Amino acid sequence: MPGFLNSYPKGRNDEVTPQTTLMERVRKELYRRAWRLQYRAKADRHREIPWRAESFAAPDFTAQADNRMLVRQLLQELPRDKGRVILYSLYIENETEVQIARKLNLSQQAVSKWKRKSLHRLCQKLSSLNG
């Protein structure tokens, strides 16, 4: 480490004494080593895939089925209009707003507005049932 031995403080007001030069050299070397360790750890984190037990767990199909049944029941509560069709297509058939807009001959913004209005109705319905 030739750079380590020859590094002296070069500021205007720095007094060059053997003690300050040694402390500065040690401080700089520790800083470099810490930076390299931190860099390597970050690089390793990006290269490695974190392992979690739940990532290998079997999906809970009963919860999914229960959720779908609940969504269908809630959709039946809505009046028969475009909002009901849009929510059904979005959440049961997993279609995008653009696909629904093409199917219903609407703009994507109109589909988004119907979705927002219908979800608001459902929230009101749920809050009236719970409260």
C-alpha atoms as a PDB file:
ATOM      1  CA  MET A   1       0.000   0.000   0.000  1.00  0.00           C
ATOM      2  CA  PRO A   2       2.346   2.714  -1.166  1.00  0.00           C
ATOM      3  CA  GLY A   3      -0.424   5.360  -1.246  1.00  0.00           C
ATOM      4  CA  PHE A   4      -1.220   4.666   2.384  1.00  0.00           C
ATOM      5  CA  LEU A   5       2.305   5.383   3.566  1.00  0.00           C
ATOM      6  CA  ASN A   6       2.826   8.563   1.534  1.00  0.00           C
ATOM      7  CA  SER A   7      -0.460  10.374   2.212  1.00  0.00           C
ATOM      8  CA  TYR A   8      -0.073  13.539   4.309  1.00  0.00           C
ATOM      9  CA  PRO A   9      -2.672  16.214   5.066  1.00  0.00           C
ATOM     10  CA  LYS A  10      -2.442  18.985   2.493  1.00  0.00           C
ATOM     11  CA  GLY A  11      -4.692  21.701   3.956  1.00  0.00           C
ATOM     12  CA  ARG A  12      -3.401  25.264   4.599  1.00  0.00           C
ATOM     13  CA  ASN A  13      -3.883  25.175   8.340  1.00  0.00           C
ATOM     14  CA  ASP A  14      -2.931  21.539   8.833  1.00  0.00           C
ATOM     15  CA  GLU A  15       0.033  21.152  11.068  1.00  0.00           C
ATOM     16  CA  VAL A  16       2.130  18.252   9.888  1.00  0.00           C
ATOM     17  CA  THR A  17       3.135  16.195  12.885  1.00  0.00           C
ATOM     18  CA  PRO A  18       3.817  12.499  12.947  1.00  0.00           C
ATOM     19  CA  GLN A  19       0.735  11.941  15.087  1.00  0.00           C
ATOM     20  CA  THR A  20      -1.682  13.832  12.785  1.00  0.00           C
ATOM     21  CA  THR A  21      -0.282  12.230   9.658  1.00  0.00           C
ATOM     22  CA  LEU A  22      -0.632   8.767  11.114  1.00  0.00           C
ATOM     23  CA  MET A  23      -4.208   9.486  12.252  1.00  0.00           C
ATOM     24  CA  GLU A  24      -5.136  10.917   8.843  1.00  0.00           C
ATOM     25  CA  ARG A  25      -3.645   7.943   7.027  1.00  0.00           C
ATOM     26  CA  VAL A  26      -5.439   5.480   9.292  1.00  0.00           C
ATOM     27  CA  ARG A  27      -8.731   7.402   8.950  1.00  0.00           C
ATOM     28  CA  LYS A  28      -8.450   7.463   5.141  1.00  0.00           C
ATOM     29  CA  GLU A  29      -7.611   3.781   4.948  1.00  0.00           C
ATOM     30  CA  LEU A  30     -10.486   2.829   7.251  1.00  0.00           C
ATOM     31  CA  TYR A  31     -12.836   4.971   5.174  1.00  0.00           C
ATOM     32  CA  ARG A  32     -11.709   3.267   1.946  1.00  0.00           C
ATOM     33  CA  ARG A  33     -12.094  -0.210   3.413  1.00  0.00           C
ATOM     34  CA  ALA A  34     -15.524   0.568   4.859  1.00  0.00           C
ATOM     35  CA  TRP A  35     -16.641   2.017   1.529  1.00  0.00           C
ATOM     36  CA  ARG A  36     -15.447  -1.103  -0.331  1.00  0.00           C
ATOM     37  CA  LEU A  37     -17.233  -3.397   2.133  1.00  0.00           C
ATOM     38  CA  GLN A  38     -20.429  -1.410   1.779  1.00  0.00           C
ATOM     39  CA  TYR A  39     -20.139  -1.439  -2.024  1.00  0.00           C
ATOM     40  CA  ARG A  40     -19.575  -5.207  -2.123  1.00  0.00           C
ATOM     41  CA  ALA A  41     -22.514  -5.846   0.215  1.00  0.00           C
ATOM     42  CA  LYS A  42     -24.773  -3.721  -1.977  1.00  0.00           C
ATOM     43  CA  ALA A  43     -23.577  -5.506  -5.127  1.00  0.00           C
ATOM     44  CA  ASP A  44     -24.211  -8.883  -3.479  1.00  0.00           C
ATOM     45  CA  ARG A  45     -27.734  -7.824  -2.486  1.00  0.00           C
ATOM     46  CA  HIS A  46     -28.515  -6.966  -6.095  1.00  0.00           C
ATOM     47  CA  ARG A  47     -27.105 -10.261  -7.379  1.00  0.00           C
ATOM     48  CA  GLU A  48     -28.803 -12.558  -4.892  1.00  0.00           C
ATOM     49  CA  ILE A  49     -32.481 -13.413  -4.775  1.00  0.00           C
ATOM     50  CA  PRO A  50     -33.938 -13.227  -1.271  1.00  0.00           C
ATOM     51  CA  TRP A  51     -35.403 -16.506  -0.083  1.00  0.00           C
ATOM     52  CA  ARG A  52     -38.677 -16.474   1.768  1.00  0.00           C
ATOM     53  CA  ALA A  53     -40.672 -19.485   2.868  1.00  0.00           C
ATOM     54  CA  GLU A  54     -43.955 -17.921   1.782  1.00  0.00           C
ATOM     55  CA  SER A  55     -42.691 -17.611  -1.794  1.00  0.00           C
ATOM     56  CA  PHE A  56     -42.729 -21.419  -2.018  1.00  0.00           C
ATOM     57  CA  ALA A  57     -45.981 -21.937  -0.133  1.00  0.00           C
ATOM     58  CA  ALA A  58     -48.980 -23.295  -1.966  1.00  0.00           C
ATOM     59  CA  PRO A  59     -51.540 -20.659  -2.918  1.00  0.00           C
ATOM     60  CA  ASP A  60     -54.622 -20.478  -0.739  1.00  0.00           C
ATOM     61  CA  PHE A  61     -57.355 -21.326  -3.225  1.00  0.00           C
ATOM     62  CA  THR A  62     -60.157 -21.255  -0.670  1.00  0.00           C
ATOM     63  CA  ALA A  63     -59.422 -17.626   0.236  1.00  0.00           C
ATOM     64  CA  GLN A  64     -59.350 -16.720  -3.450  1.00  0.00           C
ATOM     65  CA  ALA A  65     -62.651 -18.490  -4.031  1.00  0.00           C
ATOM     66  CA  ASP A  66     -64.202 -16.800  -0.992  1.00  0.00           C
ATOM     67  CA  ASN A  67     -63.056 -13.402  -2.229  1.00  0.00           C
ATOM     68  CA  ARG A  68     -64.491 -14.026  -5.686  1.00  0.00           C
ATOM     69  CA  MET A  69     -67.815 -15.114  -4.195  1.00  0.00           C
ATOM     70  CA  LEU A  70     -67.929 -11.997  -2.023  1.00  0.00           C
ATOM     71  CA  VAL A  71     -67.161  -9.770  -5.014  1.00  0.00           C
ATOM     72  CA  ARG A  72     -69.901 -11.456  -7.054  1.00  0.00           C
ATOM     73  CA  GLN A  73     -72.425 -10.990  -4.248  1.00  0.00           C
ATOM     74  CA  LEU A  74     -71.497  -7.330  -3.925  1.00  0.00           C
ATOM     75  CA  LEU A  75     -71.802  -6.850  -7.676  1.00  0.00           C
ATOM     76  CA  GLN A  76     -75.306  -8.335  -7.555  1.00  0.00           C
ATOM     77  CA  GLU A  77     -76.200  -5.535  -5.116  1.00  0.00           C
ATOM     78  CA  LEU A  78     -75.405  -2.869  -7.721  1.00  0.00           C
ATOM     79  CA  PRO A  79     -78.101  -1.625 -10.086  1.00  0.00           C
ATOM     80  CA  ARG A  80     -78.003  -3.070 -13.595  1.00  0.00           C
ATOM     81  CA  ASP A  81     -76.004  -0.455 -15.434  1.00  0.00           C
ATOM     82  CA  LYS A  82     -72.636  -0.008 -17.069  1.00  0.00           C
ATOM     83  CA  GLY A  83     -70.927   0.265 -13.688  1.00  0.00           C
ATOM     84  CA  ARG A  84     -71.893  -3.275 -12.779  1.00  0.00           C
ATOM     85  CA  VAL A  85     -70.702  -4.607 -16.150  1.00  0.00           C
ATOM     86  CA  ILE A  86     -67.443  -2.679 -15.857  1.00  0.00           C
ATOM     87  CA  LEU A  87     -66.678  -3.896 -12.328  1.00  0.00           C
ATOM     88  CA  TYR A  88     -67.543  -7.470 -13.297  1.00  0.00           C
ATOM     89  CA  SER A  89     -65.240  -7.283 -16.309  1.00  0.00           C
ATOM     90  CA  LEU A  90     -62.439  -5.692 -14.288  1.00  0.00           C
ATOM     91  CA  TYR A  91     -62.470  -7.845 -11.178  1.00  0.00           C
ATOM     92  CA  ILE A  92     -63.990 -11.154 -12.255  1.00  0.00           C
ATOM     93  CA  GLU A  93     -62.850 -11.437 -15.867  1.00  0.00           C
ATOM     94  CA  ASN A  94     -59.538  -9.576 -15.231  1.00  0.00           C
ATOM     95  CA  GLU A  95     -59.916  -7.316 -18.256  1.00  0.00           C
ATOM     96  CA  THR A  96     -58.190  -3.944 -18.541  1.00  0.00           C
ATOM     97  CA  GLU A  97     -60.010  -0.633 -18.764  1.00  0.00           C
ATOM     98  CA  VAL A  98     -58.925  -0.307 -22.398  1.00  0.00           C
ATOM     99  CA  GLN A  99     -60.369  -3.732 -23.298  1.00  0.00           C
ATOM    100  CA  ILE A 100     -63.646  -2.901 -21.581  1.00  0.00           C
ATOM    101  CA  ALA A 101     -63.805   0.476 -23.322  1.00  0.00           C
ATOM    102  CA  ARG A 102     -63.471  -1.212 -26.711  1.00  0.00           C
ATOM    103  CA  LYS A 103     -66.081  -3.821 -25.817  1.00  0.00           C
ATOM    104  CA  LEU A 104     -68.631  -1.242 -24.586  1.00  0.00           C
ATOM    105  CA  ASN A 105     -67.748   1.366 -27.202  1.00  0.00           C
ATOM    106  CA  LEU A 106     -66.693   3.912 -24.557  1.00  0.00           C
ATOM    107  CA  SER A 107     -63.541   5.880 -23.897  1.00  0.00           C
ATOM    108  CA  GLN A 108     -61.081   4.607 -21.315  1.00  0.00           C
ATOM    109  CA  GLN A 109     -61.775   7.719 -19.228  1.00  0.00           C
ATOM    110  CA  ALA A 110     -65.507   6.905 -19.203  1.00  0.00           C
ATOM    111  CA  VAL A 111     -64.750   3.369 -18.029  1.00  0.00           C
ATOM    112  CA  SER A 112     -62.551   4.789 -15.279  1.00  0.00           C
ATOM    113  CA  LYS A 113     -65.312   7.186 -14.202  1.00  0.00           C
ATOM    114  CA  TRP A 114     -67.937   4.407 -14.119  1.00  0.00           C
ATOM    115  CA  LYS A 115     -65.542   2.254 -12.117  1.00  0.00           C
ATOM    116  CA  ARG A 116     -64.942   5.025  -9.580  1.00  0.00           C
ATOM    117  CA  LYS A 117     -68.676   5.752  -9.212  1.00  0.00           C
ATOM    118  CA  SER A 118     -69.560   2.083  -8.842  1.00  0.00           C
ATOM    119  CA  LEU A 119     -66.822   1.435  -6.296  1.00  0.00           C
ATOM    120  CA  HIS A 120     -68.075   4.426  -4.334  1.00  0.00           C
ATOM    121  CA  ARG A 121     -71.584   2.911  -4.339  1.00  0.00           C
ATOM    122  CA  LEU A 122     -70.179  -0.397  -3.102  1.00  0.00           C
ATOM    123  CA  CYS A 123     -68.266   1.343  -0.313  1.00  0.00           C
ATOM    124  CA  GLN A 124     -71.443   3.114   0.779  1.00  0.00           C
ATOM    125  CA  LYS A 125     -73.325  -0.186   0.684  1.00  0.00           C
ATOM    126  CA  LEU A 126     -70.660  -1.929   2.779  1.00  0.00           C
ATOM    127  CA  SER A 127     -70.490   0.871   5.321  1.00  0.00           C
ATOM    128  CA  SER A 128     -74.281   0.804   5.709  1.00  0.00           C
ATOM    129  CA  LEU A 129     -74.158  -2.977   6.261  1.00  0.00           C
ATOM    130  CA  ASN A 130     -71.322  -2.754   8.800  1.00  0.00           C
ATOM    131  CA  GLY A 131     -72.420   0.317  10.656  1.00  0.00           C
END
